[in-house]
């Protein structure tokens, strides 16, 4: 699963063309992201906002240490998974 997540994030950020050894999944992910960007070039910016939200959501991290207060924990949870 980690490889799929890593590949997905790569395709969100990459402008590199796919090589001939790319899997069907990689080609599909690449195509979806490029399609969203193409639609935004035609009109609007909702796709860019969606991709930015996906980037933020998939980059969740584990806390490095204990939280000094419940407020710090809630701030982390809000940034990490959007939990309020």
Protein backbone atom coordinates (compact mmCIF):
# COMPACT_ATOMS: atom_id res chain seq x y z
CA UNK A 1 0.00 0.00 0.00
CA UNK A 2 2.84 2.40 0.77
CA UNK A 3 4.13 2.08 -2.78
CA UNK A 4 0.75 3.07 -4.23
CA UNK A 5 0.61 6.09 -1.91
CA UNK A 6 4.16 7.08 -2.83
CA UNK A 7 3.41 6.68 -6.54
CA UNK A 8 0.23 8.70 -6.24
CA UNK A 9 1.99 11.57 -4.48
CA UNK A 10 4.75 11.44 -7.07
CA UNK A 11 2.22 11.86 -9.87
CA UNK A 12 0.52 14.73 -8.06
CA UNK A 13 3.83 16.60 -7.98
CA UNK A 14 5.64 15.39 -11.08
CA UNK A 15 5.62 16.87 -14.55
CA UNK A 16 7.82 14.09 -15.90
CA UNK A 17 6.43 11.99 -18.73
CA UNK A 18 5.82 8.32 -18.00
CA UNK A 19 8.32 5.82 -19.27
CA UNK A 20 7.43 2.70 -21.21
CA UNK A 21 7.72 0.48 -18.11
CA UNK A 22 4.97 2.28 -16.17
CA UNK A 23 2.24 0.02 -14.82
CA UNK A 24 -1.42 0.42 -15.73
CA UNK A 25 -2.04 1.95 -12.30
CA UNK A 26 0.74 4.51 -12.75
CA UNK A 27 -0.54 5.43 -16.21
CA UNK A 28 -4.05 5.81 -14.81
CA UNK A 29 -2.93 8.02 -11.87
CA UNK A 30 -0.82 10.12 -14.20
CA UNK A 31 -3.75 10.51 -16.60
CA UNK A 32 -6.19 11.55 -13.87
CA UNK A 33 -3.89 14.27 -12.55
CA UNK A 34 -3.09 15.57 -16.02
CA UNK A 35 -6.84 15.60 -16.89
CA UNK A 36 -7.64 17.67 -13.81
CA UNK A 37 -4.92 20.13 -14.73
CA UNK A 38 -6.16 20.33 -18.32
CA UNK A 39 -9.71 21.11 -17.17
CA UNK A 40 -8.37 23.94 -15.02
CA UNK A 41 -6.54 25.38 -18.02
CA UNK A 42 -9.90 25.51 -19.82
CA UNK A 43 -11.77 27.18 -16.94
CA UNK A 44 -11.60 27.57 -13.19
CA UNK A 45 -9.21 26.37 -10.54
CA UNK A 46 -11.27 23.81 -8.60
CA UNK A 47 -9.07 20.99 -9.80
CA UNK A 48 -5.91 22.61 -8.51
CA UNK A 49 -7.59 23.15 -5.13
CA UNK A 50 -8.68 19.50 -5.08
CA UNK A 51 -5.14 18.31 -5.89
CA UNK A 52 -3.70 20.61 -3.20
CA UNK A 53 -6.15 19.14 -0.68
CA UNK A 54 -5.20 15.61 -1.72
CA UNK A 55 -1.51 16.42 -1.33
CA UNK A 56 -2.10 17.75 2.16
CA UNK A 57 -4.31 14.82 3.15
CA UNK A 58 -1.93 12.14 1.95
CA UNK A 59 1.09 13.63 3.66
CA UNK A 60 -0.15 12.73 7.14
CA UNK A 61 2.65 12.20 9.59
CA UNK A 62 3.04 10.49 12.92
CA UNK A 63 3.81 12.69 15.89
CA UNK A 64 7.48 12.78 16.78
CA UNK A 65 6.90 12.98 20.52
CA UNK A 66 4.23 13.35 23.19
CA UNK A 67 2.12 16.47 23.09
CA UNK A 68 2.63 19.01 25.87
CA UNK A 69 -1.09 19.82 25.97
CA UNK A 70 -4.45 18.78 24.58
CA UNK A 71 -4.40 21.96 22.50
CA UNK A 72 -1.18 20.88 20.77
CA UNK A 73 -2.69 17.46 20.13
CA UNK A 74 -5.84 18.99 18.64
CA UNK A 75 -3.76 21.27 16.39
CA UNK A 76 -1.84 18.22 15.17
CA UNK A 77 -5.03 16.24 14.54
CA UNK A 78 -6.58 19.11 12.62
CA UNK A 79 -3.56 19.49 10.33
CA UNK A 80 -2.92 15.77 9.99
CA UNK A 81 -6.39 14.43 9.25
CA UNK A 82 -8.73 17.37 9.31
CA UNK A 83 -10.27 16.23 12.61
CA UNK A 84 -11.69 18.97 14.78
